[in-house]
Amino acid sequence: MKIQSILVALGIVLGSAAQAADADLVIVGRGASLEDAVAAPHASSYRLLILRRQVLRVRASRADEEVRSLLERARSDGAVVFVCERDLRKERLRPADLLPGIVAVDSSDVWTQGAPTGADARLRTICS
């Protein structure tokens, strides 16, 4: 029982370290909830990528006040919120179905605000 507790704690620490290691791109849906991702250490200007079934949480018609508040907090902390277009297709959603200000991206998107950063390149790779 004690070993199991230690392994769980170690997993949490390693997960937090992984999030902190990539402070420019914070990901929801790869073991981290929206709450975890917003609370994770991040750069002053970062990308918050919402993956897979977590996309349903940011659907405008279903998003509860907690989700809206978390996204507002993330944006005030410097986040730009993204979803992958392939995840939208899987859930049969369109960008217009999401809360305002969420950017849908795929691997072919052209970055209009200068050259893409390393975080932008990782985001496109994940969404391809």
Protein backbone atom coordinates (compact mmCIF):
# COMPACT_ATOMS: atom_id res chain seq x y z
CA MET A 1 0.00 0.00 0.00
CA LYS A 2 2.79 2.43 0.88
CA ILE A 3 4.67 1.64 -2.34
CA GLN A 4 1.51 2.29 -4.33
CA SER A 5 1.13 5.70 -2.65
CA ILE A 6 4.73 6.54 -3.46
CA LEU A 7 4.25 5.54 -7.10
CA VAL A 8 1.11 7.69 -7.37
CA ALA A 9 2.94 10.67 -5.86
CA LEU A 10 5.88 10.13 -8.21
CA GLY A 11 3.51 10.05 -11.20
CA ILE A 12 1.98 13.35 -10.13
CA VAL A 13 5.39 14.96 -9.69
CA LEU A 14 6.60 13.71 -13.08
CA GLY A 15 3.40 14.90 -14.75
CA SER A 16 3.85 18.33 -13.21
CA ALA A 17 7.47 18.42 -14.30
CA ALA A 18 6.44 17.56 -17.86
CA GLN A 19 3.95 20.41 -17.86
CA ALA A 20 6.51 22.82 -16.42
CA ALA A 21 9.15 21.73 -18.94
CA ASP A 22 6.94 22.94 -21.81
CA ALA A 23 5.72 26.23 -20.39
CA ASP A 24 4.86 27.67 -23.83
CA LEU A 25 2.40 24.88 -24.69
CA VAL A 26 0.10 23.48 -22.01
CA ILE A 27 -2.09 20.55 -23.04
CA VAL A 28 -5.51 19.49 -21.76
CA GLY A 29 -6.50 15.89 -22.44
CA ARG A 30 -3.18 14.09 -22.15
CA GLY A 31 -3.59 13.18 -18.53
CA ALA A 32 -4.33 16.75 -17.47
CA SER A 33 -7.77 18.21 -16.95
CA LEU A 34 -8.59 21.80 -17.85
CA GLU A 35 -8.30 22.65 -14.17
CA ASP A 36 -4.83 21.04 -13.93
CA ALA A 37 -3.60 22.70 -17.09
CA VAL A 38 -4.69 26.20 -16.09
CA ALA A 39 -3.06 25.73 -12.66
CA ALA A 40 0.19 24.34 -14.17
CA PRO A 41 3.27 26.56 -14.42
CA HIS A 42 3.40 28.30 -17.79
CA ALA A 43 5.05 31.15 -19.67
CA SER A 44 3.57 34.64 -19.47
CA SER A 45 2.30 34.14 -23.03
CA TYR A 46 1.40 30.53 -23.82
CA ARG A 47 -0.77 28.21 -25.88
CA LEU A 48 -3.45 26.16 -24.14
CA LEU A 49 -4.35 23.20 -26.35
CA ILE A 50 -7.56 21.32 -25.57
CA LEU A 51 -7.55 17.78 -26.99
CA ARG A 52 -9.90 14.92 -27.67
CA ARG A 53 -13.10 14.61 -25.69
CA GLN A 54 -12.14 17.61 -23.53
CA VAL A 55 -13.28 19.68 -26.52
CA LEU A 56 -16.87 18.91 -25.50
CA ARG A 57 -16.32 20.92 -22.32
CA VAL A 58 -15.76 24.10 -24.34
CA ARG A 59 -18.81 23.69 -26.55
CA ALA A 60 -20.74 26.94 -26.17
CA SER A 61 -24.11 25.26 -25.66
CA ARG A 62 -22.81 22.98 -22.89
CA ALA A 63 -19.98 24.86 -21.17
CA ASP A 64 -20.74 25.48 -17.53
CA GLU A 65 -19.74 28.56 -15.58
CA GLU A 66 -16.66 26.83 -14.13
CA VAL A 67 -15.27 26.14 -17.62
CA ARG A 68 -15.99 29.69 -18.76
CA SER A 69 -14.25 31.03 -15.66
CA LEU A 70 -11.21 28.77 -16.18
CA LEU A 71 -10.82 29.94 -19.77
CA GLU A 72 -11.17 33.56 -18.70
CA ARG A 73 -8.48 33.00 -16.06
CA ALA A 74 -6.21 31.31 -18.59
CA ARG A 75 -6.61 34.18 -21.05
CA SER A 76 -5.94 36.78 -18.36
CA ASP A 77 -2.76 34.81 -17.54
CA GLY A 78 -1.62 35.05 -21.18
CA ALA A 79 -3.14 31.98 -22.85
CA VAL A 80 -4.39 31.66 -26.38
CA VAL A 81 -6.78 28.70 -26.44
CA PHE A 82 -6.59 26.17 -29.28
CA VAL A 83 -8.35 22.97 -30.35
CA CYS A 84 -7.36 20.58 -33.12
CA GLU A 85 -9.67 20.53 -36.13
CA ARG A 86 -9.44 16.73 -36.23
CA ASP A 87 -10.91 16.61 -32.71
CA LEU A 88 -13.74 18.87 -33.83
CA ARG A 89 -14.44 16.53 -36.76
CA LYS A 90 -14.43 13.48 -34.45
CA GLU A 91 -17.04 15.13 -32.24
CA ARG A 92 -18.98 16.47 -35.25
CA LEU A 93 -18.43 20.07 -34.17
CA ARG A 94 -17.54 23.26 -36.01
CA PRO A 95 -15.39 26.12 -34.67
CA ALA A 96 -18.58 28.20 -34.37
CA ASP A 97 -19.92 25.63 -31.87
CA LEU A 98 -17.17 26.51 -29.37
CA LEU A 99 -16.94 29.30 -26.84
CA PRO A 100 -15.78 32.57 -28.40
CA GLY A 101 -12.06 33.10 -28.88
CA ILE A 102 -11.02 29.45 -29.26
CA VAL A 103 -8.84 28.91 -32.31
CA ALA A 104 -9.13 25.69 -34.36
CA VAL A 105 -5.84 24.58 -35.89
CA ASP A 106 -4.55 21.81 -38.13
CA SER A 107 -1.16 20.94 -39.57
CA SER A 108 -1.65 23.11 -42.65
CA ASP A 109 -2.52 26.38 -40.91
CA VAL A 110 -0.46 29.36 -41.94
CA TRP A 111 0.72 31.58 -39.10
CA THR A 112 -0.09 35.18 -39.92
CA GLN A 113 1.64 36.73 -36.89
CA GLY A 114 5.25 36.24 -37.93
CA ALA A 115 7.30 33.08 -37.91
CA PRO A 116 5.96 30.20 -35.80
CA THR A 117 7.67 29.58 -32.49
CA GLY A 118 8.73 26.17 -31.21
CA ALA A 119 5.41 25.93 -29.34
CA ASP A 120 3.53 26.68 -32.57
CA ALA A 121 5.43 23.95 -34.39
CA ARG A 122 4.66 21.44 -31.59
CA LEU A 123 1.01 22.48 -31.64
CA ARG A 124 0.78 21.88 -35.40
CA THR A 125 2.54 18.52 -35.04
CA ILE A 126 0.10 17.40 -32.35
CA CYS A 127 -2.87 18.51 -34.46
CA SER A 128 -1.69 16.86 -37.67
